[in-house]
Amino acid sequence: MVGVTLTPLLVAVGGAVGAVCRHVVDEHIGRARVDTLVVNVLGSLLLGFVLAAPLGESAVALAGTGFCGAFTTFSSFAFETVRLAEDGFGRAAAVNAVGTFALAAVGVAVGGWGGSVVF
């Protein structure tokens, strides 16, 4: 009963921290598409780790759903990719799309491996 009522709060706290961290990364890098790629790959890495580790539902809600959900930004990735294509940079849009998906998948795999090795 307690876990059911705390889960939305854990997601909210994780989301708040994840959003602030994404903003910090954006400010530090300051280059559109590069900052989006970085947060998506790092978030995928962390999500793989969290899901592979023997963590409880509360930790997954906090770090996986909350933090990673707010830290990553696949909507920005989609917007930036479409914008590249609309502006006539079709090849760059394709590289952005394929590169982001490939690196995010590698991030999940490496994170999953790390989560299973550490715990």
Foldseek 3Di string as FASTA:
>chain_A
DVCVVCLVVLLQQLQVVLQVVLVVLCVVVVDPLVSLLVQLLQLLLQLLLVVLAPDDPSSCSNNPNRNSVNNHDVVSLVVVLVVCVVVPNPVVSVCSVVVSVVSSVVSSVNSNVVNNVVD
